[in-house]
């Protein structure tokens, strides 16, 4: 950090509010004034060396979902309220960007706005509204629905002083998957263990969800006798209490969301809040599903479900030039004849059968439909022996499936020559195979 920038920070050194500065790209803490060092129990800035800002300031193991970096601009302050999980206090935060020598620094001024008074209700209707509004504002600042949901869960987790906040979505066949979660510091993530949960295991809750009813469990042990299936799911997660609320869209249950182990005095207030926040989560899930559908249309062939040319071009940009590469170009034989004699549905069936053969033999590699009757397999890292073996199995599969394709197969240990030359070489081999097929009199090439 340059001398000029250091002089700017000196201005804040004796301020009675916390000021800290972080590198927006490396997450390094580059400055903390005396007030901030004292609050976080640090003797000097040197104690933060080797640690990221989200570790020092928020107690997180990864970047904060609620981070406002994406919306900050030089010369403007973004103002918001947040409860710091390390200091366990509420702050009014003022954030901005300062730039020097191509580096971007985030400067945050944190003004302590105090704790709730003990004799007051911890979460009045007014505070409920304030928490909701701030959470939604932060969530809406994200460019994508997935990011908005992550931000919202993290904000709710901190604001409600809970150990875990999560969303479950119902999938086909009445199966529930934990699709989003936020966990407090030192709380083990559970998402990967909470997949494919049958509806029957949650039947008691599901009946309530269908009636748009919410669930408050003040003591999980009370479920042990009455609802043993639910108890067996909750007990290993060290859950003592929870609040869950259904996610309903046009009278259909999409799933549910909830918080684990919040303070007992907040349970009823969380329920009130959740009735409002649920509508926003449903809207984000709908938007996420729409984006996913649009991505599917943009990247995948709708008939064969293989990647399209756009997906192929994107994949090529990610390939490792130092790995071996196998390329297989395929051309479905006789498609025009089938279309002319049996109709386009029969032609579509032929394409589906041919693509299914390719998927069975090269399922773990990148497969694309590159034209009306052409498919492509890109196989980075494959050995030459494996490539030839799979092509042999593909030919046998095609014969069984009555879906003949001309094949152009090449393999290179490295491919510094570039993908265009590889594709041209595979294309040439494919046309040679097609020519040999026609020369053998197996097909009228005019058809």
Protein backbone atom coordinates (compact mmCIF):
# COMPACT_ATOMS: atom_id res chain seq x y z
CA UNK A 1 0.00 0.00 0.00
CA UNK A 2 1.44 3.34 -1.08
CA UNK A 3 2.47 6.25 1.14
CA UNK A 4 -0.44 8.41 -0.03
CA UNK A 5 -2.92 5.72 0.90
CA UNK A 6 -1.23 5.30 4.28
CA UNK A 7 -1.81 9.00 5.00
CA UNK A 8 -5.51 8.53 4.29
CA UNK A 9 -5.74 5.73 6.84
CA UNK A 10 -3.90 7.85 9.44
CA UNK A 11 -6.88 10.18 9.36
CA UNK A 12 -9.03 7.39 10.86
CA UNK A 13 -6.48 6.14 13.41
CA UNK A 14 -7.97 7.80 16.49
CA UNK A 15 -11.61 7.64 15.40
CA UNK A 16 -13.90 6.21 18.07
CA UNK A 17 -15.57 3.96 15.49
CA UNK A 18 -14.01 0.90 13.88
CA UNK A 19 -12.39 1.36 10.47
CA UNK A 20 -10.78 -1.48 8.53
CA UNK A 21 -9.57 -1.83 4.96
CA UNK A 22 -9.23 -5.00 2.88
CA UNK A 23 -7.91 -5.86 -0.57
CA UNK A 24 -11.00 -6.71 -2.62
CA UNK A 25 -9.17 -9.27 -4.75
CA UNK A 26 -6.90 -11.07 -2.27
CA UNK A 27 -9.13 -10.56 0.84
CA UNK A 28 -6.03 -9.42 2.75
CA UNK A 29 -6.58 -7.08 5.71
CA UNK A 30 -4.39 -4.06 5.00
CA UNK A 31 -5.48 -1.67 7.75
CA UNK A 32 -7.33 -1.62 11.08
CA UNK A 33 -7.51 1.47 13.26
CA UNK A 34 -6.95 1.35 17.03
CA UNK A 35 -10.64 0.93 17.80
CA UNK A 36 -10.94 -2.05 15.42
CA UNK A 37 -7.78 -3.74 16.71
CA UNK A 38 -9.00 -3.42 20.29
CA UNK A 39 -12.50 -4.71 19.48
CA UNK A 40 -11.12 -7.81 17.77
CA UNK A 41 -8.53 -8.41 20.49
CA UNK A 42 -5.48 -7.76 18.29
CA UNK A 43 -2.27 -6.09 19.41
CA UNK A 44 -1.24 -5.15 15.87
CA UNK A 45 -2.19 -5.64 12.23
CA UNK A 46 0.61 -8.19 11.93
CA UNK A 47 -1.54 -10.72 13.78
CA UNK A 48 -3.82 -10.91 10.72
CA UNK A 49 -1.02 -11.99 8.37
CA UNK A 50 -1.91 -15.10 6.43
CA UNK A 51 -5.59 -14.80 7.33
CA UNK A 52 -8.40 -13.54 5.09
CA UNK A 53 -10.71 -10.69 6.00
CA UNK A 54 -13.70 -13.03 6.27
CA UNK A 55 -11.76 -15.09 8.84
CA UNK A 56 -10.60 -12.13 10.92
CA UNK A 57 -13.71 -9.95 10.78
CA UNK A 58 -16.54 -12.46 10.39
CA UNK A 59 -15.21 -15.78 11.66
CA UNK A 60 -15.99 -17.48 8.35
CA UNK A 61 -13.99 -20.12 6.51
CA UNK A 62 -14.97 -18.79 3.07
CA UNK A 63 -15.97 -15.42 1.55
CA UNK A 64 -19.15 -13.95 3.01
CA UNK A 65 -22.29 -14.34 0.92
CA UNK A 66 -23.51 -10.95 2.21
CA UNK A 67 -20.36 -9.15 1.10
CA UNK A 68 -21.23 -5.88 -0.66
CA UNK A 69 -18.07 -5.75 -2.81
CA UNK A 70 -19.99 -6.26 -6.05
CA UNK A 71 -22.11 -3.16 -5.61
CA UNK A 72 -19.50 -0.74 -4.22
CA UNK A 73 -18.32 2.27 -6.25
CA UNK A 74 -15.52 4.77 -5.61
CA UNK A 75 -16.80 8.00 -4.14
CA UNK A 76 -20.06 6.49 -2.85
CA UNK A 77 -20.87 4.86 0.48
CA UNK A 78 -23.14 1.83 0.77
CA UNK A 79 -24.92 1.89 4.13
CA UNK A 80 -26.41 -1.18 5.80
CA UNK A 81 -26.95 -2.84 9.18
CA UNK A 82 -25.40 -6.11 10.25
CA UNK A 83 -24.79 -8.15 13.40
CA UNK A 84 -21.12 -9.12 13.59
CA UNK A 85 -20.91 -12.79 14.61
CA UNK A 86 -17.41 -12.42 16.13
CA UNK A 87 -18.23 -9.40 18.29
CA UNK A 88 -21.91 -10.37 18.72
CA UNK A 89 -23.05 -6.77 18.35
CA UNK A 90 -25.12 -4.76 15.87
CA UNK A 91 -23.40 -2.25 13.59
CA UNK A 92 -24.33 0.38 11.07
CA UNK A 93 -21.81 -0.18 8.26
CA UNK A 94 -20.63 2.35 5.69
CA UNK A 95 -18.66 0.80 2.80
CA UNK A 96 -16.82 2.29 -0.15
CA UNK A 97 -14.02 1.53 -2.64
CA UNK A 98 -10.64 3.25 -2.72
CA UNK A 99 -8.33 2.61 -5.69
CA UNK A 100 -4.54 2.93 -5.91
CA UNK A 101 -2.03 1.62 -8.48
CA UNK A 102 -4.54 -0.78 -10.00
CA UNK A 103 -5.55 -2.25 -6.63
CA UNK A 104 -9.04 -1.96 -5.18
CA UNK A 105 -9.51 -1.56 -1.44
CA UNK A 106 -12.74 -1.91 0.49
CA UNK A 107 -13.00 0.53 3.39
CA UNK A 108 -15.66 -0.11 6.01
CA UNK A 109 -16.64 2.16 8.89
CA UNK A 110 -18.55 0.23 11.58
CA UNK A 111 -20.69 2.25 13.99
CA UNK A 112 -21.83 0.34 17.07
CA UNK A 113 -25.61 0.73 17.39
CA UNK A 114 -25.81 -1.32 20.57
CA UNK A 115 -27.59 -4.38 21.88
CA UNK A 116 -31.29 -4.93 22.48
CA UNK A 117 -32.34 -3.92 25.98
CA UNK A 118 -32.89 -7.04 28.15
CA UNK A 119 -36.33 -5.99 29.29
CA UNK A 120 -37.52 -5.39 25.73
CA UNK A 121 -38.79 -8.07 23.39
CA UNK A 122 -35.80 -9.19 21.37
CA UNK A 123 -37.59 -8.79 18.07
CA UNK A 124 -40.52 -6.40 17.86
CA UNK A 125 -42.67 -6.08 14.75
CA UNK A 126 -40.68 -3.01 13.81
CA UNK A 127 -37.40 -4.91 14.13
CA UNK A 128 -38.87 -7.81 12.16
CA UNK A 129 -39.64 -5.42 9.35
CA UNK A 130 -36.18 -3.85 9.51
CA UNK A 131 -34.44 -7.24 9.39
CA UNK A 132 -36.61 -8.39 6.48
CA UNK A 133 -36.08 -5.21 4.49
CA UNK A 134 -32.32 -5.26 4.95
CA UNK A 135 -32.07 -8.96 4.10
CA UNK A 136 -34.11 -8.54 0.93
CA UNK A 137 -32.14 -5.47 -0.10
CA UNK A 138 -28.85 -7.34 0.20
CA UNK A 139 -30.23 -10.42 -1.57
CA UNK A 140 -31.56 -8.38 -4.49
CA UNK A 141 -28.14 -6.81 -5.02
CA UNK A 142 -26.81 -10.17 -6.28
CA UNK A 143 -26.83 -10.82 -10.05
CA UNK A 144 -28.11 -14.41 -9.88
CA UNK A 145 -30.87 -16.20 -7.88
CA UNK A 146 -28.43 -18.71 -6.37
CA UNK A 147 -26.29 -15.89 -4.98
CA UNK A 148 -29.39 -14.06 -3.70
CA UNK A 149 -30.48 -17.14 -1.77
CA UNK A 150 -26.99 -17.64 -0.28
CA UNK A 151 -26.89 -14.00 0.83
CA UNK A 152 -30.37 -14.15 2.34
CA UNK A 153 -29.64 -17.32 4.32
CA UNK A 154 -26.39 -15.93 5.69
CA UNK A 155 -28.05 -12.66 6.66
CA UNK A 156 -30.92 -14.48 8.40
CA UNK A 157 -28.46 -16.76 10.18
CA UNK A 158 -26.51 -13.85 11.63
CA UNK A 159 -29.57 -11.71 12.40
CA UNK A 160 -31.45 -14.53 14.12
CA UNK A 161 -28.36 -15.83 15.92
CA UNK A 162 -29.08 -19.36 14.75
CA UNK A 163 -26.69 -22.20 13.99
CA UNK A 164 -28.00 -23.17 10.57
CA UNK A 165 -30.42 -21.85 7.95
CA UNK A 166 -31.48 -24.02 5.02
CA UNK A 167 -33.80 -24.68 2.10
CA UNK A 168 -35.17 -28.06 1.05
CA UNK A 169 -36.75 -28.52 -2.38
CA UNK A 170 -39.09 -31.33 -3.37
CA UNK A 171 -37.94 -33.27 -6.43
CA UNK A 172 -39.68 -35.79 -8.67
CA UNK A 173 -40.99 -38.84 -6.87
CA UNK A 174 -41.64 -37.08 -3.57
CA UNK A 175 -37.95 -36.79 -2.68
CA UNK A 176 -36.57 -33.84 -0.70
CA UNK A 177 -33.05 -32.45 -1.21
CA UNK A 178 -31.28 -29.88 0.95
CA UNK A 179 -30.29 -27.44 -1.80
CA UNK A 180 -29.04 -24.41 0.14
CA UNK A 181 -27.59 -23.93 3.62
CA UNK A 182 -25.71 -21.49 5.78
CA UNK A 183 -23.87 -22.68 8.89
CA UNK A 184 -22.55 -20.69 11.80
CA UNK A 185 -18.94 -20.85 12.81
CA UNK A 186 -17.92 -24.31 14.09
CA UNK A 187 -21.22 -25.86 12.95
CA UNK A 188 -20.70 -28.79 10.58
CA UNK A 189 -22.45 -28.48 7.19
CA UNK A 190 -25.20 -31.04 6.68
CA UNK A 191 -26.32 -30.46 3.09
CA UNK A 192 -24.47 -33.36 1.48
CA UNK A 193 -25.96 -35.75 4.05
CA UNK A 194 -29.52 -34.51 3.56
CA UNK A 195 -30.28 -35.67 0.03
CA UNK A 196 -32.98 -38.01 -1.29
CA UNK A 197 -35.08 -37.84 1.86
CA UNK A 198 -38.40 -39.62 1.15
CA UNK A 199 -41.58 -37.71 1.79
CA UNK A 200 -42.71 -40.49 4.12
CA UNK A 201 -39.95 -39.56 6.58
CA UNK A 202 -41.43 -36.07 6.80
CA UNK A 203 -45.10 -37.03 6.51
CA UNK A 204 -46.17 -35.25 9.69
CA UNK A 205 -44.60 -32.01 8.54
CA UNK A 206 -45.73 -32.46 4.94
CA UNK A 207 -49.38 -32.62 6.00
CA UNK A 208 -48.91 -29.29 7.73
CA UNK A 209 -47.16 -27.84 4.67
CA UNK A 210 -50.12 -28.76 2.48
CA UNK A 211 -52.33 -26.69 4.79
CA UNK A 212 -49.78 -23.85 4.69
CA UNK A 213 -49.00 -24.40 8.36
CA UNK A 214 -45.64 -23.68 9.95
CA UNK A 215 -43.76 -25.80 12.47
CA UNK A 216 -42.10 -24.66 15.70
CA UNK A 217 -40.19 -27.32 17.64
CA UNK A 218 -39.07 -25.98 21.00
CA UNK A 219 -37.53 -29.27 22.14
CA UNK A 220 -36.58 -31.96 19.62
CA UNK A 221 -36.64 -34.63 22.34
CA UNK A 222 -40.42 -34.22 22.41
CA UNK A 223 -40.55 -35.75 18.90
CA UNK A 224 -38.82 -38.98 19.91
CA UNK A 225 -41.98 -40.89 20.78
CA UNK A 226 -44.58 -39.12 18.65
CA UNK A 227 -42.61 -38.79 15.39
CA UNK A 228 -39.59 -41.14 15.50
CA UNK A 229 -38.79 -40.78 11.76
CA UNK A 230 -38.31 -37.03 12.10
CA UNK A 231 -36.43 -37.44 15.37
CA UNK A 232 -33.97 -39.88 13.77
CA UNK A 233 -33.24 -37.29 11.09
CA UNK A 234 -32.78 -34.35 13.49
CA UNK A 235 -30.98 -35.90 16.43
CA UNK A 236 -27.64 -36.67 14.67
CA UNK A 237 -27.46 -33.01 13.61
CA UNK A 238 -27.42 -31.80 17.24
CA UNK A 239 -30.66 -29.88 16.73
CA UNK A 240 -32.45 -28.87 19.91
CA UNK A 241 -35.04 -26.51 18.43
CA UNK A 242 -36.13 -25.25 15.03
CA UNK A 243 -38.63 -23.26 13.02
CA UNK A 244 -39.63 -24.42 9.54
CA UNK A 245 -41.99 -22.88 7.04
CA UNK A 246 -43.45 -24.26 3.79
CA UNK A 247 -42.56 -22.87 0.40
CA UNK A 248 -45.78 -22.83 -1.61
CA UNK A 249 -46.39 -21.65 -5.16
CA UNK A 250 -49.96 -21.67 -6.45
CA UNK A 251 -51.06 -24.17 -3.79
CA UNK A 252 -48.20 -26.54 -4.64
CA UNK A 253 -45.57 -27.39 -2.03
CA UNK A 254 -42.13 -26.64 -3.49
CA UNK A 255 -40.28 -27.46 -0.29
CA UNK A 256 -39.57 -25.77 3.02
CA UNK A 257 -36.97 -23.63 4.77
CA UNK A 258 -35.96 -23.25 8.37
CA UNK A 259 -33.51 -22.34 11.11
CA UNK A 260 -31.88 -24.57 13.70
CA UNK A 261 -31.18 -23.71 17.34
CA UNK A 262 -32.11 -20.02 17.42
CA UNK A 263 -32.47 -18.33 20.84
CA UNK A 264 -35.63 -19.59 22.54
CA UNK A 265 -37.04 -16.10 22.94
CA UNK A 266 -36.92 -15.56 19.15
CA UNK A 267 -38.88 -18.63 18.05
CA UNK A 268 -42.30 -16.96 17.77
CA UNK A 269 -40.88 -13.86 16.13
CA UNK A 270 -39.02 -15.96 13.56
CA UNK A 271 -42.31 -17.59 12.65
CA UNK A 272 -43.85 -14.20 11.93
CA UNK A 273 -40.87 -13.21 9.83
CA UNK A 274 -40.83 -16.48 7.89
CA UNK A 275 -44.40 -16.01 6.73
CA UNK A 276 -43.19 -12.96 4.79
CA UNK A 277 -39.74 -14.10 3.68
CA UNK A 278 -41.14 -17.35 2.25
CA UNK A 279 -42.84 -15.49 -0.60
CA UNK A 280 -39.52 -13.95 -1.60
CA UNK A 281 -37.72 -17.31 -1.49
CA UNK A 282 -40.41 -18.86 -3.71
CA UNK A 283 -39.92 -16.02 -6.19
CA UNK A 284 -36.16 -16.63 -6.24
CA UNK A 285 -36.63 -20.37 -6.71
CA UNK A 286 -38.97 -19.73 -9.64
CA UNK A 287 -36.41 -17.38 -11.14
CA UNK A 288 -33.63 -19.94 -10.59
CA UNK A 289 -35.65 -22.63 -12.35
CA UNK A 290 -36.38 -20.26 -15.24
CA UNK A 291 -32.68 -19.43 -15.59
CA UNK A 292 -31.87 -23.14 -15.51
CA UNK A 293 -34.44 -23.82 -18.24
CA UNK A 294 -33.02 -21.02 -20.38
CA UNK A 295 -29.51 -22.36 -19.87
CA UNK A 296 -30.69 -25.80 -20.91
CA UNK A 297 -32.18 -24.35 -24.08
CA UNK A 298 -29.02 -22.34 -24.71
CA UNK A 299 -26.55 -25.18 -24.15
CA UNK A 300 -28.35 -28.42 -24.96
CA UNK A 301 -29.97 -29.96 -28.01
CA UNK A 302 -33.60 -30.53 -27.11
CA UNK A 303 -33.98 -33.80 -29.05
CA UNK A 304 -30.88 -35.73 -27.97
CA UNK A 305 -30.08 -33.81 -24.74
CA UNK A 306 -26.45 -33.54 -25.90
CA UNK A 307 -24.59 -30.25 -25.78
CA UNK A 308 -25.01 -27.92 -28.75
CA UNK A 309 -22.37 -25.90 -30.59
CA UNK A 310 -22.51 -23.14 -28.00
CA UNK A 311 -21.78 -25.67 -25.26
CA UNK A 312 -18.99 -27.16 -27.38
CA UNK A 313 -17.28 -23.80 -27.78
CA UNK A 314 -17.55 -23.12 -24.05
CA UNK A 315 -16.10 -26.54 -23.23
CA UNK A 316 -13.14 -26.07 -25.58
CA UNK A 317 -12.09 -22.96 -23.64
CA UNK A 318 -11.75 -25.06 -20.47
CA UNK A 319 -9.68 -27.91 -21.94
CA UNK A 320 -6.12 -28.57 -20.79
CA UNK A 321 -3.68 -28.31 -23.70
CA UNK A 322 -1.16 -30.52 -21.93
CA UNK A 323 -3.48 -33.53 -21.70
CA UNK A 324 -3.95 -36.15 -24.39
CA UNK A 325 -7.04 -35.77 -26.52
CA UNK A 326 -9.34 -38.12 -28.38
CA UNK A 327 -11.78 -36.70 -30.92
CA UNK A 328 -14.62 -38.66 -32.51
CA UNK A 329 -16.70 -37.13 -35.29
CA UNK A 330 -19.91 -38.99 -36.18
CA UNK A 331 -22.34 -38.67 -39.09
CA UNK A 332 -25.67 -40.54 -38.97
CA UNK A 333 -26.09 -42.51 -42.18
CA UNK A 334 -29.37 -42.58 -44.11
CA UNK A 335 -31.18 -39.84 -42.21
CA UNK A 336 -32.54 -38.22 -45.38
CA UNK A 337 -33.85 -41.55 -46.69
CA UNK A 338 -35.61 -42.26 -43.39
CA UNK A 339 -37.12 -38.77 -43.33
CA UNK A 340 -38.35 -39.11 -46.93
CA UNK A 341 -39.72 -42.63 -46.68
CA UNK A 342 -40.92 -42.90 -43.07
CA UNK A 343 -41.39 -39.31 -41.95
CA UNK A 344 -39.55 -36.94 -39.66
CA UNK A 345 -40.62 -38.69 -36.47
CA UNK A 346 -38.81 -41.82 -37.68
CA UNK A 347 -35.82 -39.60 -38.52
CA UNK A 348 -35.86 -38.15 -35.00
CA UNK A 349 -36.02 -41.67 -33.57
CA UNK A 350 -32.93 -42.59 -35.61
CA UNK A 351 -31.04 -39.58 -34.24
CA UNK A 352 -32.04 -40.46 -30.68
CA UNK A 353 -30.90 -44.07 -31.11
CA UNK A 354 -27.58 -42.97 -32.60
CA UNK A 355 -26.96 -40.42 -29.83
CA UNK A 356 -27.87 -43.04 -27.21
CA UNK A 357 -25.17 -45.34 -28.61
CA UNK A 358 -22.64 -42.52 -28.28
CA UNK A 359 -23.74 -41.73 -24.74
CA UNK A 360 -23.50 -45.36 -23.62
CA UNK A 361 -19.93 -45.75 -24.83
CA UNK A 362 -18.59 -42.25 -24.02
CA UNK A 363 -20.87 -41.18 -21.16
CA UNK A 364 -18.16 -39.58 -19.01
CA UNK A 365 -16.81 -37.42 -21.84
CA UNK A 366 -18.09 -34.26 -23.54
CA UNK A 367 -20.71 -35.05 -26.20
CA UNK A 368 -22.31 -32.62 -28.62
CA UNK A 369 -24.75 -32.48 -31.51
CA UNK A 370 -22.92 -30.22 -33.95
CA UNK A 371 -25.31 -30.38 -36.92
CA UNK A 372 -28.51 -31.97 -38.19
CA UNK A 373 -26.98 -35.46 -38.44
CA UNK A 374 -23.55 -34.95 -36.85
CA UNK A 375 -22.28 -35.64 -33.34
CA UNK A 376 -18.92 -35.01 -31.69
CA UNK A 377 -17.15 -36.59 -28.71
CA UNK A 378 -14.24 -34.74 -27.08
CA UNK A 379 -12.26 -36.96 -24.71
CA UNK A 380 -9.47 -35.09 -22.88
CA UNK A 381 -7.07 -37.30 -20.92
CA UNK A 382 -8.10 -40.55 -22.60
CA UNK A 383 -5.43 -43.07 -23.65
CA UNK A 384 -5.13 -44.14 -27.28
CA UNK A 385 -5.91 -47.74 -26.38
CA UNK A 386 -9.03 -46.74 -24.47
CA UNK A 387 -10.18 -44.50 -27.33
CA UNK A 388 -9.87 -47.29 -29.92
CA UNK A 389 -11.57 -49.76 -27.59
CA UNK A 390 -14.56 -47.51 -27.08
CA UNK A 391 -14.93 -46.87 -30.80
CA UNK A 392 -15.03 -50.64 -31.32
CA UNK A 393 -17.77 -50.99 -28.70
CA UNK A 394 -19.64 -48.11 -30.33
CA UNK A 395 -19.68 -49.89 -33.68
CA UNK A 396 -21.13 -53.01 -32.07
CA UNK A 397 -23.72 -50.91 -30.23
CA UNK A 398 -24.73 -49.17 -33.47
CA UNK A 399 -25.27 -52.52 -35.18
CA UNK A 400 -27.54 -53.70 -32.36
CA UNK A 401 -29.45 -50.42 -32.35
CA UNK A 402 -29.85 -50.18 -36.14
CA UNK A 403 -28.26 -46.72 -36.09
CA UNK A 404 -25.22 -46.61 -38.37
CA UNK A 405 -22.82 -43.68 -38.20
CA UNK A 406 -19.70 -42.88 -40.19
CA UNK A 407 -16.89 -42.35 -37.67
CA UNK A 408 -13.77 -40.23 -37.76
CA UNK A 409 -11.50 -41.02 -34.81
CA UNK A 410 -8.17 -39.39 -33.95
CA UNK A 411 -5.95 -39.34 -30.86
CA UNK A 412 -3.00 -37.12 -29.91
CA UNK A 413 -0.75 -37.23 -26.86
CA UNK A 414 -0.76 -33.42 -26.95
CA UNK A 415 -2.49 -30.87 -29.12
CA UNK A 416 -0.57 -27.64 -29.32
CA UNK A 417 -1.60 -27.57 -33.00
CA UNK A 418 -4.99 -26.26 -31.90
CA UNK A 419 -8.52 -27.58 -31.85
CA UNK A 420 -9.39 -26.44 -35.37
CA UNK A 421 -6.78 -28.75 -36.89
CA UNK A 422 -7.89 -31.65 -34.70
CA UNK A 423 -11.51 -31.20 -35.75
CA UNK A 424 -10.50 -30.98 -39.40
CA UNK A 425 -8.48 -34.17 -39.08
CA UNK A 426 -11.38 -36.02 -37.42
CA UNK A 427 -13.74 -34.65 -40.07
CA UNK A 428 -11.47 -35.97 -42.83
CA UNK A 429 -11.36 -39.41 -41.21
CA UNK A 430 -15.15 -39.42 -40.92
CA UNK A 431 -15.59 -38.66 -44.64
CA UNK A 432 -13.13 -41.43 -45.50
CA UNK A 433 -15.22 -43.84 -43.44
CA UNK A 434 -18.37 -42.63 -45.16
CA UNK A 435 -16.75 -43.03 -48.59
CA UNK A 436 -15.72 -46.60 -47.77
CA UNK A 437 -19.21 -47.38 -46.57
CA UNK A 438 -20.76 -46.15 -49.81
CA UNK A 439 -18.09 -47.90 -51.91
CA UNK A 440 -19.06 -51.21 -50.30
CA UNK A 441 -22.56 -50.71 -51.69
CA UNK A 442 -24.24 -50.67 -48.30
CA UNK A 443 -26.10 -47.46 -49.01
CA UNK A 444 -27.25 -45.24 -51.86
CA UNK A 445 -25.33 -42.05 -51.05
CA UNK A 446 -27.86 -39.97 -52.98
CA UNK A 447 -30.38 -40.95 -50.34
